[in-house]
Amino acid sequence: MYDPLDTCPVKPLGVSADLGECHFRLPGGREVTLPTNGLHKLRIIALFQGDTSWLEQHFPIIRETFTRNEPFVVRHKYPDGFDQAEAAEWLVAHCARAGIVSNPEPKLAIIA
């Protein structure tokens, strides 16, 4: 059985003990931590380093248009990006399945 996790360029590593953060490994090997509730579309695009092809393949948004060509109505379907909510849910779920990360790397703080 095919598992999308096998081909995903971003690897879910786990969640923090309070479930407030997800940990990922990027394609280049760098590990990042993101808030569980902060996986909005732009952050997901950044997580995938701008390459949304995998996301579009696994979480497509399918648009439909209809044209009238008497006596028929023709239905056209075409892909239009990726579904952010579905992608975020999948990423968080796979982090949770990976388990709790016991010793995440220390975070950098920006002090203004």
PDB file of N, CA and C in Angstrom:
ATOM      1  N   MET A   1       0.841  -1.185   0.000  1.00  0.00           N
ATOM      2  CA  MET A   1       0.000   0.000   0.000  1.00  0.00           C
ATOM      3  C   MET A   1       0.888   1.252   0.000  1.00  0.00           C
ATOM      4  N   TYR A   2       0.539   2.200  -0.844  1.00  0.00           N
ATOM      5  CA  TYR A   2       1.323   3.431  -0.968  1.00  0.00           C
ATOM      6  C   TYR A   2       1.082   4.346   0.226  1.00  0.00           C
ATOM      7  N   ASP A   3       2.159   4.847   0.797  1.00  0.00           N
ATOM      8  CA  ASP A   3       2.072   5.812   1.886  1.00  0.00           C
ATOM      9  C   ASP A   3       2.734   7.102   1.416  1.00  0.00           C
ATOM     10  N   PRO A   4       1.970   8.227   1.353  1.00  0.00           N
ATOM     11  CA  PRO A   4       2.554   9.490   0.902  1.00  0.00           C
ATOM     12  C   PRO A   4       3.773   9.913   1.717  1.00  0.00           C
ATOM     13  N   LEU A   5       3.865   9.457   2.955  1.00  0.00           N
ATOM     14  CA  LEU A   5       5.000   9.817   3.803  1.00  0.00           C
ATOM     15  C   LEU A   5       6.317   9.360   3.181  1.00  0.00           C
ATOM     16  N   ASP A   6       6.273   8.262   2.413  1.00  0.00           N
ATOM     17  CA  ASP A   6       7.491   7.735   1.789  1.00  0.00           C
ATOM     18  C   ASP A   6       8.111   8.716   0.799  1.00  0.00           C
ATOM     19  N   THR A   7       7.279   9.525   0.143  1.00  0.00           N
ATOM     20  CA  THR A   7       7.800  10.439  -0.872  1.00  0.00           C
ATOM     21  C   THR A   7       7.785  11.899  -0.433  1.00  0.00           C
ATOM     22  N   CYS A   8       7.285  12.176   0.753  1.00  0.00           N
ATOM     23  CA  CYS A   8       7.200  13.555   1.224  1.00  0.00           C
ATOM     24  C   CYS A   8       8.604  14.123   1.446  1.00  0.00           C
ATOM     25  N   PRO A   9       8.917  15.275   0.841  1.00  0.00           N
ATOM     26  CA  PRO A   9      10.256  15.846   1.024  1.00  0.00           C
ATOM     27  C   PRO A   9      10.493  16.404   2.426  1.00  0.00           C
ATOM     28  N   VAL A  10       9.432  16.670   3.157  1.00  0.00           N
ATOM     29  CA  VAL A  10       9.522  17.165   4.533  1.00  0.00           C
ATOM     30  C   VAL A  10       9.143  16.005   5.451  1.00  0.00           C
ATOM     31  N   LYS A  11      10.021  15.689   6.401  1.00  0.00           N
ATOM     32  CA  LYS A  11       9.778  14.546   7.286  1.00  0.00           C
ATOM     33  C   LYS A  11       9.259  15.005   8.641  1.00  0.00           C
ATOM     34  N   PRO A  12       8.030  14.611   9.011  1.00  0.00           N
ATOM     35  CA  PRO A  12       7.521  14.906  10.349  1.00  0.00           C
ATOM     36  C   PRO A  12       8.312  14.102  11.385  1.00  0.00           C
ATOM     37  N   LEU A  13       8.866  14.789  12.389  1.00  0.00           N
ATOM     38  CA  LEU A  13       9.709  14.128  13.393  1.00  0.00           C
ATOM     39  C   LEU A  13       8.996  13.878  14.709  1.00  0.00           C
ATOM     40  N   GLY A  14       7.973  14.676  15.013  1.00  0.00           N
ATOM     41  CA  GLY A  14       7.264  14.495  16.271  1.00  0.00           C
ATOM     42  C   GLY A  14       6.679  15.798  16.772  1.00  0.00           C
ATOM     43  N   VAL A  15       6.115  15.734  17.977  1.00  0.00           N
ATOM     44  CA  VAL A  15       5.490  16.894  18.604  1.00  0.00           C
ATOM     45  C   VAL A  15       6.138  17.148  19.961  1.00  0.00           C
ATOM     46  N   SER A  16       5.941  18.370  20.464  1.00  0.00           N
ATOM     47  CA  SER A  16       6.425  18.688  21.807  1.00  0.00           C
ATOM     48  C   SER A  16       5.519  18.015  22.833  1.00  0.00           C
ATOM     49  N   ALA A  17       5.981  17.925  24.055  1.00  0.00           N
ATOM     50  CA  ALA A  17       5.225  17.250  25.107  1.00  0.00           C
ATOM     51  C   ALA A  17       3.858  17.885  25.340  1.00  0.00           C
ATOM     52  N   ASP A  18       3.749  19.191  25.155  1.00  0.00           N
ATOM     53  CA  ASP A  18       2.455  19.860  25.348  1.00  0.00           C
ATOM     54  C   ASP A  18       1.625  19.912  24.060  1.00  0.00           C
ATOM     55  N   LEU A  19       2.112  19.274  22.994  1.00  0.00           N
ATOM     56  CA  LEU A  19       1.468  19.196  21.681  1.00  0.00           C
ATOM     57  C   LEU A  19       1.343  20.541  20.988  1.00  0.00           C
ATOM     58  N   GLY A  20       2.068  21.537  21.469  1.00  0.00           N
ATOM     59  CA  GLY A  20       1.985  22.876  20.903  1.00  0.00           C
ATOM     60  C   GLY A  20       2.921  23.131  19.738  1.00  0.00           C
ATOM     61  N   GLU A  21       3.859  22.218  19.493  1.00  0.00           N
ATOM     62  CA  GLU A  21       4.826  22.417  18.412  1.00  0.00           C
ATOM     63  C   GLU A  21       5.038  21.125  17.640  1.00  0.00           C
ATOM     64  N   CYS A  22       5.257  21.281  16.351  1.00  0.00           N
ATOM     65  CA  CYS A  22       5.604  20.159  15.473  1.00  0.00           C
ATOM     66  C   CYS A  22       7.047  20.322  15.023  1.00  0.00           C
ATOM     67  N   HIS A  23       7.741  19.219  14.907  1.00  0.00           N
ATOM     68  CA  HIS A  23       9.144  19.212  14.507  1.00  0.00           C
ATOM     69  C   HIS A  23       9.271  18.505  13.155  1.00  0.00           C
ATOM     70  N   PHE A  24      10.021  19.133  12.236  1.00  0.00           N
ATOM     71  CA  PHE A  24      10.173  18.612  10.884  1.00  0.00           C
ATOM     72  C   PHE A  24      11.638  18.622  10.468  1.00  0.00           C
ATOM     73  N   ARG A  25      11.981  17.732   9.534  1.00  0.00           N
ATOM     74  CA  ARG A  25      13.296  17.763   8.883  1.00  0.00           C
ATOM     75  C   ARG A  25      13.057  18.177   7.436  1.00  0.00           C
ATOM     76  N   LEU A  26      13.747  19.254   7.032  1.00  0.00           N
ATOM     77  CA  LEU A  26      13.625  19.767   5.674  1.00  0.00           C
ATOM     78  C   LEU A  26      14.449  18.929   4.706  1.00  0.00           C
ATOM     79  N   PRO A  27      14.216  19.077   3.394  1.00  0.00           N
ATOM     80  CA  PRO A  27      14.960  18.268   2.420  1.00  0.00           C
ATOM     81  C   PRO A  27      16.482  18.345   2.571  1.00  0.00           C
ATOM     82  N   GLY A  28      17.029  19.476   2.968  1.00  0.00           N
ATOM     83  CA  GLY A  28      18.479  19.613   3.127  1.00  0.00           C
ATOM     84  C   GLY A  28      19.007  19.049   4.437  1.00  0.00           C
ATOM     85  N   GLY A  29      18.127  18.550   5.305  1.00  0.00           N
ATOM     86  CA  GLY A  29      18.545  17.964   6.571  1.00  0.00           C
ATOM     87  C   GLY A  29      18.350  18.867   7.780  1.00  0.00           C
ATOM     88  N   ARG A  30      18.058  20.139   7.559  1.00  0.00           N
ATOM     89  CA  ARG A  30      17.844  21.073   8.675  1.00  0.00           C
ATOM     90  C   ARG A  30      16.541  20.747   9.392  1.00  0.00           C
ATOM     91  N   GLU A  31      16.555  20.833  10.710  1.00  0.00           N
ATOM     92  CA  GLU A  31      15.351  20.581  11.494  1.00  0.00           C
ATOM     93  C   GLU A  31      14.740  21.898  11.946  1.00  0.00           C
ATOM     94  N   VAL A  32      13.416  21.979  11.842  1.00  0.00           N
ATOM     95  CA  VAL A  32      12.695  23.187  12.234  1.00  0.00           C
ATOM     96  C   VAL A  32      11.528  22.815  13.138  1.00  0.00           C
ATOM     97  N   THR A  33      11.128  23.787  13.955  1.00  0.00           N
ATOM     98  CA  THR A  33      10.002  23.638  14.854  1.00  0.00           C
ATOM     99  C   THR A  33       8.984  24.721  14.528  1.00  0.00           C
ATOM    100  N   LEU A  34       7.729  24.306  14.359  1.00  0.00           N
ATOM    101  CA  LEU A  34       6.658  25.242  14.054  1.00  0.00           C
ATOM    102  C   LEU A  34       5.502  25.028  15.026  1.00  0.00           C
ATOM    103  N   PRO A  35       4.758  26.094  15.340  1.00  0.00           N
ATOM    104  CA  PRO A  35       3.596  25.920  16.208  1.00  0.00           C
ATOM    105  C   PRO A  35       2.560  25.026  15.528  1.00  0.00           C
ATOM    106  N   THR A  36       1.972  24.126  16.291  1.00  0.00           N
ATOM    107  CA  THR A  36       0.971  23.213  15.752  1.00  0.00           C
ATOM    108  C   THR A  36      -0.178  23.971  15.100  1.00  0.00           C
ATOM    109  N   ASN A  37      -0.575  25.074  15.691  1.00  0.00           N
ATOM    110  CA  ASN A  37      -1.701  25.839  15.141  1.00  0.00           C
ATOM    111  C   ASN A  37      -1.246  26.917  14.161  1.00  0.00           C
ATOM    112  N   GLY A  38      -0.009  26.877  13.712  1.00  0.00           N
ATOM    113  CA  GLY A  38       0.520  27.912  12.838  1.00  0.00           C
ATOM    114  C   GLY A  38       0.865  27.448  11.441  1.00  0.00           C
ATOM    115  N   LEU A  39       0.259  26.351  10.991  1.00  0.00           N
ATOM    116  CA  LEU A  39       0.594  25.844   9.662  1.00  0.00           C
ATOM    117  C   LEU A  39      -0.348  26.442   8.616  1.00  0.00           C
ATOM    118  N   HIS A  40      -0.258  27.757   8.445  1.00  0.00           N
ATOM    119  CA  HIS A  40      -1.050  28.411   7.411  1.00  0.00           C
ATOM    120  C   HIS A  40      -0.360  28.210   6.067  1.00  0.00           C
ATOM    121  N   LYS A  41      -1.018  28.614   4.989  1.00  0.00           N
ATOM    122  CA  LYS A  41      -0.545  28.296   3.638  1.00  0.00           C
ATOM    123  C   LYS A  41       0.872  28.786   3.358  1.00  0.00           C
ATOM    124  N   LEU A  42       1.177  30.025   3.719  1.00  0.00           N
ATOM    125  CA  LEU A  42       2.510  30.556   3.428  1.00  0.00           C
ATOM    126  C   LEU A  42       3.594  29.823   4.214  1.00  0.00           C
ATOM    127  N   ARG A  43       3.287  29.435   5.437  1.00  0.00           N
ATOM    128  CA  ARG A  43       4.268  28.699   6.236  1.00  0.00           C
ATOM    129  C   ARG A  43       4.489  27.299   5.667  1.00  0.00           C
ATOM    130  N   ILE A  44       3.430  26.675   5.170  1.00  0.00           N
ATOM    131  CA  ILE A  44       3.585  25.352   4.549  1.00  0.00           C
ATOM    132  C   ILE A  44       4.433  25.472   3.285  1.00  0.00           C
ATOM    133  N   ILE A  45       4.188  26.508   2.491  1.00  0.00           N
ATOM    134  CA  ILE A  45       4.999  26.725   1.280  1.00  0.00           C
ATOM    135  C   ILE A  45       6.464  26.915   1.664  1.00  0.00           C
ATOM    136  N   ALA A  46       6.729  27.683   2.711  1.00  0.00           N
ATOM    137  CA  ALA A  46       8.109  27.881   3.173  1.00  0.00           C
ATOM    138  C   ALA A  46       8.708  26.562   3.672  1.00  0.00           C
ATOM    139  N   LEU A  47       7.910  25.768   4.381  1.00  0.00           N
ATOM    140  CA  LEU A  47       8.368  24.480   4.888  1.00  0.00           C
ATOM    141  C   LEU A  47       8.826  23.578   3.734  1.00  0.00           C
ATOM    142  N   PHE A  48       8.113  23.649   2.615  1.00  0.00           N
ATOM    143  CA  PHE A  48       8.462  22.853   1.436  1.00  0.00           C
ATOM    144  C   PHE A  48       9.417  23.608   0.512  1.00  0.00           C
ATOM    145  N   GLN A  49      10.012  24.673   1.030  1.00  0.00           N
ATOM    146  CA  GLN A  49      11.022  25.473   0.339  1.00  0.00           C
ATOM    147  C   GLN A  49      10.543  25.940  -1.036  1.00  0.00           C
ATOM    148  N   GLY A  50       9.273  26.309  -1.092  1.00  0.00           N
ATOM    149  CA  GLY A  50       8.701  26.877  -2.296  1.00  0.00           C
ATOM    150  C   GLY A  50       8.261  25.890  -3.357  1.00  0.00           C
ATOM    151  N   ASP A  51       8.598  24.629  -3.210  1.00  0.00           N
ATOM    152  CA  ASP A  51       8.214  23.614  -4.202  1.00  0.00           C
ATOM    153  C   ASP A  51       6.912  22.957  -3.745  1.00  0.00           C
ATOM    154  N   THR A  52       5.810  23.374  -4.332  1.00  0.00           N
ATOM    155  CA  THR A  52       4.499  22.876  -3.906  1.00  0.00           C
ATOM    156  C   THR A  52       4.008  21.683  -4.727  1.00  0.00           C
ATOM    157  N   SER A  53       4.844  21.133  -5.595  1.00  0.00           N
ATOM    158  CA  SER A  53       4.404  20.044  -6.479  1.00  0.00           C
ATOM    159  C   SER A  53       3.921  18.820  -5.693  1.00  0.00           C
ATOM    160  N   TRP A  54       4.625  18.443  -4.616  1.00  0.00           N
ATOM    161  CA  TRP A  54       4.197  17.288  -3.821  1.00  0.00           C
ATOM    162  C   TRP A  54       2.855  17.592  -3.152  1.00  0.00           C
ATOM    163  N   LEU A  55       2.713  18.806  -2.626  1.00  0.00           N
ATOM    164  CA  LEU A  55       1.455  19.201  -1.981  1.00  0.00           C
ATOM    165  C   LEU A  55       0.301  19.201  -2.977  1.00  0.00           C
ATOM    166  N   GLU A  56       0.538  19.716  -4.182  1.00  0.00           N
ATOM    167  CA  GLU A  56      -0.504  19.763  -5.202  1.00  0.00           C
ATOM    168  C   GLU A  56      -0.908  18.366  -5.664  1.00  0.00           C
ATOM    169  N   GLN A  57       0.032  17.443  -5.647  1.00  0.00           N
ATOM    170  CA  GLN A  57      -0.263  16.062  -6.042  1.00  0.00           C
ATOM    171  C   GLN A  57      -1.099  15.351  -4.978  1.00  0.00           C
ATOM    172  N   HIS A  58      -0.805  15.594  -3.703  1.00  0.00           N
ATOM    173  CA  HIS A  58      -1.461  14.844  -2.626  1.00  0.00           C
ATOM    174  C   HIS A  58      -2.652  15.560  -1.987  1.00  0.00           C
ATOM    175  N   PHE A  59      -2.725  16.872  -2.100  1.00  0.00           N
ATOM    176  CA  PHE A  59      -3.822  17.645  -1.523  1.00  0.00           C
ATOM    177  C   PHE A  59      -4.346  18.667  -2.542  1.00  0.00           C
ATOM    178  N   PRO A  60      -4.767  18.185  -3.717  1.00  0.00           N
ATOM    179  CA  PRO A  60      -5.137  19.136  -4.771  1.00  0.00           C
ATOM    180  C   PRO A  60      -6.458  19.853  -4.499  1.00  0.00           C
ATOM    181  N   ILE A  61      -6.524  21.071  -4.970  1.00  0.00           N
ATOM    182  CA  ILE A  61      -7.795  21.775  -5.061  1.00  0.00           C
ATOM    183  C   ILE A  61      -8.234  21.599  -6.510  1.00  0.00           C
ATOM    184  N   ILE A  62      -9.409  21.043  -6.706  1.00  0.00           N
ATOM    185  CA  ILE A  62      -9.932  20.827  -8.047  1.00  0.00           C
ATOM    186  C   ILE A  62     -11.041  21.844  -8.301  1.00  0.00           C
ATOM    187  N   ARG A  63     -10.853  22.653  -9.296  1.00  0.00           N
ATOM    188  CA  ARG A  63     -11.856  23.645  -9.701  1.00  0.00           C
ATOM    189  C   ARG A  63     -12.666  23.084 -10.855  1.00  0.00           C
ATOM    190  N   GLU A  64     -13.896  23.542 -10.946  1.00  0.00           N
ATOM    191  CA  GLU A  64     -14.748  23.140 -12.052  1.00  0.00           C
ATOM    192  C   GLU A  64     -15.319  24.372 -12.739  1.00  0.00           C
ATOM    193  N   THR A  65     -15.385  24.307 -14.027  1.00  0.00           N
ATOM    194  CA  THR A  65     -16.068  25.346 -14.788  1.00  0.00           C
ATOM    195  C   THR A  65     -17.035  24.661 -15.740  1.00  0.00           C
ATOM    196  N   PHE A  66     -18.038  25.380 -16.119  1.00  0.00           N
ATOM    197  CA  PHE A  66     -19.045  24.854 -17.034  1.00  0.00           C
ATOM    198  C   PHE A  66     -19.198  25.816 -18.194  1.00  0.00           C
ATOM    199  N   THR A  67     -19.224  25.252 -19.377  1.00  0.00           N
ATOM    200  CA  THR A  67     -19.484  26.080 -20.553  1.00  0.00           C
ATOM    201  C   THR A  67     -20.699  25.508 -21.282  1.00  0.00           C
ATOM    202  N   ARG A  68     -21.504  26.404 -21.782  1.00  0.00           N
ATOM    203  CA  ARG A  68     -22.707  25.985 -22.497  1.00  0.00           C
ATOM    204  C   ARG A  68     -22.373  25.895 -23.984  1.00  0.00           C
ATOM    205  N   ASN A  69     -22.553  24.714 -24.511  1.00  0.00           N
ATOM    206  CA  ASN A  69     -22.333  24.461 -25.927  1.00  0.00           C
ATOM    207  C   ASN A  69     -23.585  23.737 -26.405  1.00  0.00           C
ATOM    208  N   GLU A  70     -24.594  24.524 -26.776  1.00  0.00           N
ATOM    209  CA  GLU A  70     -25.918  23.974 -27.089  1.00  0.00           C
ATOM    210  C   GLU A  70     -25.802  22.742 -27.965  1.00  0.00           C
ATOM    211  N   PRO A  71     -26.480  21.696 -27.668  1.00  0.00           N
ATOM    212  CA  PRO A  71     -27.452  21.509 -26.595  1.00  0.00           C
ATOM    213  C   PRO A  71     -26.825  20.926 -25.329  1.00  0.00           C
ATOM    214  N   PHE A  72     -25.512  21.012 -25.166  1.00  0.00           N
ATOM    215  CA  PHE A  72     -24.828  20.388 -24.042  1.00  0.00           C
ATOM    216  C   PHE A  72     -24.230  21.435 -23.104  1.00  0.00           C
ATOM    217  N   VAL A  73     -23.985  20.997 -21.865  1.00  0.00           N
ATOM    218  CA  VAL A  73     -23.183  21.769 -20.926  1.00  0.00           C
ATOM    219  C   VAL A  73     -21.924  20.957 -20.693  1.00  0.00           C
ATOM    220  N   VAL A  74     -20.782  21.565 -20.943  1.00  0.00           N
ATOM    221  CA  VAL A  74     -19.506  20.859 -20.816  1.00  0.00           C
ATOM    222  C   VAL A  74     -18.873  21.221 -19.479  1.00  0.00           C
ATOM    223  N   ARG A  75     -18.487  20.207 -18.748  1.00  0.00           N
ATOM    224  CA  ARG A  75     -17.854  20.397 -17.434  1.00  0.00           C
ATOM    225  C   ARG A  75     -16.348  20.225 -17.580  1.00  0.00           C
ATOM    226  N   HIS A  76     -15.586  21.204 -17.100  1.00  0.00           N
ATOM    227  CA  HIS A  76     -14.124  21.158 -17.153  1.00  0.00           C
ATOM    228  C   HIS A  76     -13.601  21.097 -15.721  1.00  0.00           C
ATOM    229  N   LYS A  77     -12.661  20.189 -15.462  1.00  0.00           N
ATOM    230  CA  LYS A  77     -12.016  20.107 -14.152  1.00  0.00           C
ATOM    231  C   LYS A  77     -10.535  20.403 -14.341  1.00  0.00           C
ATOM    232  N   TYR A  78      -9.971  21.180 -13.414  1.00  0.00           N
ATOM    233  CA  TYR A  78      -8.544  21.468 -13.496  1.00  0.00           C
ATOM    234  C   TYR A  78      -7.987  21.710 -12.091  1.00  0.00           C
ATOM    235  N   PRO A  79      -6.717  21.329 -11.871  1.00  0.00           N
ATOM    236  CA  PRO A  79      -6.099  21.553 -10.557  1.00  0.00           C
ATOM    237  C   PRO A  79      -5.799  23.032 -10.349  1.00  0.00           C
ATOM    238  N   ASP A  80      -5.872  23.459  -9.097  1.00  0.00           N
ATOM    239  CA  ASP A  80      -5.628  24.869  -8.778  1.00  0.00           C
ATOM    240  C   ASP A  80      -4.964  24.990  -7.404  1.00  0.00           C
ATOM    241  N   GLY A  81      -3.715  24.556  -7.325  1.00  0.00           N
ATOM    242  CA  GLY A  81      -2.977  24.667  -6.062  1.00  0.00           C
ATOM    243  C   GLY A  81      -3.233  23.498  -5.122  1.00  0.00           C
ATOM    244  N   PHE A  82      -2.967  23.722  -3.831  1.00  0.00           N
ATOM    245  CA  PHE A  82      -3.162  22.663  -2.833  1.00  0.00           C
ATOM    246  C   PHE A  82      -4.078  23.153  -1.721  1.00  0.00           C
ATOM    247  N   ASP A  83      -4.733  22.204  -1.072  1.00  0.00           N
ATOM    248  CA  ASP A  83      -5.661  22.492   0.015  1.00  0.00           C
ATOM    249  C   ASP A  83      -4.865  22.645   1.311  1.00  0.00           C
ATOM    250  N   GLN A  84      -4.765  23.869   1.793  1.00  0.00           N
ATOM    251  CA  GLN A  84      -3.959  24.174   2.970  1.00  0.00           C
ATOM    252  C   GLN A  84      -4.441  23.419   4.205  1.00  0.00           C
ATOM    253  N   ALA A  85      -5.743  23.383   4.433  1.00  0.00           N
ATOM    254  CA  ALA A  85      -6.284  22.725   5.630  1.00  0.00           C
ATOM    255  C   ALA A  85      -5.975  21.232   5.625  1.00  0.00           C
ATOM    256  N   GLU A  86      -6.149  20.590   4.476  1.00  0.00           N
ATOM    257  CA  GLU A  86      -5.848  19.149   4.375  1.00  0.00           C
ATOM    258  C   GLU A  86      -4.357  18.884   4.581  1.00  0.00           C
ATOM    259  N   ALA A  87      -3.514  19.713   3.977  1.00  0.00           N
ATOM    260  CA  ALA A  87      -2.071  19.546   4.124  1.00  0.00           C
ATOM    261  C   ALA A  87      -1.642  19.745   5.578  1.00  0.00           C
ATOM    262  N   ALA A  88      -2.167  20.789   6.225  1.00  0.00           N
ATOM    263  CA  ALA A  88      -1.813  21.059   7.622  1.00  0.00           C
ATOM    264  C   ALA A  88      -2.263  19.915   8.526  1.00  0.00           C
ATOM    265  N   GLU A  89      -3.471  19.429   8.311  1.00  0.00           N
ATOM    266  CA  GLU A  89      -3.979  18.307   9.117  1.00  0.00           C
ATOM    267  C   GLU A  89      -3.104  17.074   8.954  1.00  0.00           C
ATOM    268  N   TRP A  90      -2.706  16.783   7.723  1.00  0.00           N
ATOM    269  CA  TRP A  90      -1.864  15.624   7.462  1.00  0.00           C
ATOM    270  C   TRP A  90      -0.504  15.771   8.141  1.00  0.00           C
ATOM    271  N   LEU A  91       0.112  16.955   8.038  1.00  0.00           N
ATOM    272  CA  LEU A  91       1.419  17.191   8.645  1.00  0.00           C
ATOM    273  C   LEU A  91       1.369  17.059  10.167  1.00  0.00           C
ATOM    274  N   VAL A  92       0.355  17.665  10.794  1.00  0.00           N
ATOM    275  CA  VAL A  92       0.223  17.585  12.255  1.00  0.00           C
ATOM    276  C   VAL A  92      -0.046  16.139  12.684  1.00  0.00           C
ATOM    277  N   ALA A  93      -0.922  15.451  11.964  1.00  0.00           N
ATOM    278  CA  ALA A  93      -1.232  14.057  12.309  1.00  0.00           C
ATOM    279  C   ALA A  93       0.012  13.175  12.240  1.00  0.00           C
ATOM    280  N   HIS A  94       0.845  13.382  11.231  1.00  0.00           N
ATOM    281  CA  HIS A  94       2.051  12.554  11.108  1.00  0.00           C
ATOM    282  C   HIS A  94       3.108  12.925  12.147  1.00  0.00           C
ATOM    283  N   CYS A  95       3.134  14.175  12.554  1.00  0.00           N
ATOM    284  CA  CYS A  95       4.017  14.540  13.672  1.00  0.00           C
ATOM    285  C   CYS A  95       3.547  13.846  14.946  1.00  0.00           C
ATOM    286  N   ALA A  96       2.246  13.856  15.183  1.00  0.00           N
ATOM    287  CA  ALA A  96       1.693  13.204  16.384  1.00  0.00           C
ATOM    288  C   ALA A  96       1.966  11.703  16.354  1.00  0.00           C
ATOM    289  N   ARG A  97       1.826  11.083  15.197  1.00  0.00           N
ATOM    290  CA  ARG A  97       2.096   9.642  15.077  1.00  0.00           C
ATOM    291  C   ARG A  97       3.567   9.320  15.320  1.00  0.00           C
ATOM    292  N   ALA A  98       4.447  10.268  14.986  1.00  0.00           N
ATOM    293  CA  ALA A  98       5.884  10.045  15.198  1.00  0.00           C
ATOM    294  C   ALA A  98       6.237  10.068  16.679  1.00  0.00           C
ATOM    295  N   GLY A  99       5.376  10.683  17.508  1.00  0.00           N
ATOM    296  CA  GLY A  99       5.588  10.680  18.950  1.00  0.00           C
ATOM    297  C   GLY A  99       6.130  11.993  19.486  1.00  0.00           C
ATOM    298  N   ILE A 100       6.380  11.987  20.776  1.00  0.00           N
ATOM    299  CA  ILE A 100       6.869  13.181  21.463  1.00  0.00           C
ATOM    300  C   ILE A 100       8.383  13.282  21.310  1.00  0.00           C
ATOM    301  N   VAL A 101       8.827  14.466  20.916  1.00  0.00           N
ATOM    302  CA  VAL A 101      10.253  14.745  20.807  1.00  0.00           C
ATOM    303  C   VAL A 101      10.727  15.126  22.199  1.00  0.00           C
ATOM    304  N   SER A 102      11.621  14.325  22.752  1.00  0.00           N
ATOM    305  CA  SER A 102      12.000  14.534  24.150  1.00  0.00           C
ATOM    306  C   SER A 102      12.982  15.685  24.351  1.00  0.00           C
ATOM    307  N   ASN A 103      13.919  15.842  23.443  1.00  0.00           N
ATOM    308  CA  ASN A 103      14.928  16.886  23.616  1.00  0.00           C
ATOM    309  C   ASN A 103      15.055  17.733  22.359  1.00  0.00           C
ATOM    310  N   PRO A 104      14.076  18.605  22.117  1.00  0.00           N
ATOM    311  CA  PRO A 104      14.211  19.449  20.931  1.00  0.00           C
ATOM    312  C   PRO A 104      15.404  20.373  21.071  1.00  0.00           C
ATOM    313  N   GLU A 105      15.929  20.784  19.926  1.00  0.00           N
ATOM    314  CA  GLU A 105      17.063  21.707  19.947  1.00  0.00           C
ATOM    315  C   GLU A 105      16.632  23.029  20.567  1.00  0.00           C
ATOM    316  N   PRO A 106      17.545  23.703  21.261  1.00  0.00           N
ATOM    317  CA  PRO A 106      17.179  24.997  21.869  1.00  0.00           C
ATOM    318  C   PRO A 106      16.769  25.999  20.788  1.00  0.00           C
ATOM    319  N   LYS A 107      15.817  26.835  21.140  1.00  0.00           N
ATOM    320  CA  LYS A 107      15.327  27.833  20.203  1.00  0.00           C
ATOM    321  C   LYS A 107      16.136  29.102  20.312  1.00  0.00           C
ATOM    322  N   LEU A 108      16.248  29.791  19.197  1.00  0.00           N
ATOM    323  CA  LEU A 108      16.894  31.089  19.185  1.00  0.00           C
ATOM    324  C   LEU A 108      15.866  32.140  19.525  1.00  0.00           C
ATOM    325  N   ALA A 109      16.207  33.046  20.374  1.00  0.00           N
ATOM    326  CA  ALA A 109      15.294  34.129  20.734  1.00  0.00           C
ATOM    327  C   ALA A 109      15.798  35.416  20.121  1.00  0.00           C
ATOM    328  N   ILE A 110      14.889  36.169  19.537  1.00  0.00           N
ATOM    329  CA  ILE A 110      15.239  37.475  18.982  1.00  0.00           C
ATOM    330  C   ILE A 110      14.814  38.503  20.009  1.00  0.00           C
ATOM    331  N   ILE A 111      15.777  39.256  20.499  1.00  0.00           N
ATOM    332  CA  ILE A 111      15.490  40.271  21.505  1.00  0.00           C
ATOM    333  C   ILE A 111      15.610  41.642  20.848  1.00  0.00           C
ATOM    334  N   ALA A 112      14.522  42.379  20.923  1.00  0.00           N
ATOM    335  CA  ALA A 112      14.520  43.710  20.268  1.00  0.00           C
ATOM    336  C   ALA A 112      14.879  44.780  21.276  1.00  0.00           C
TER     337      ALA A 112
END
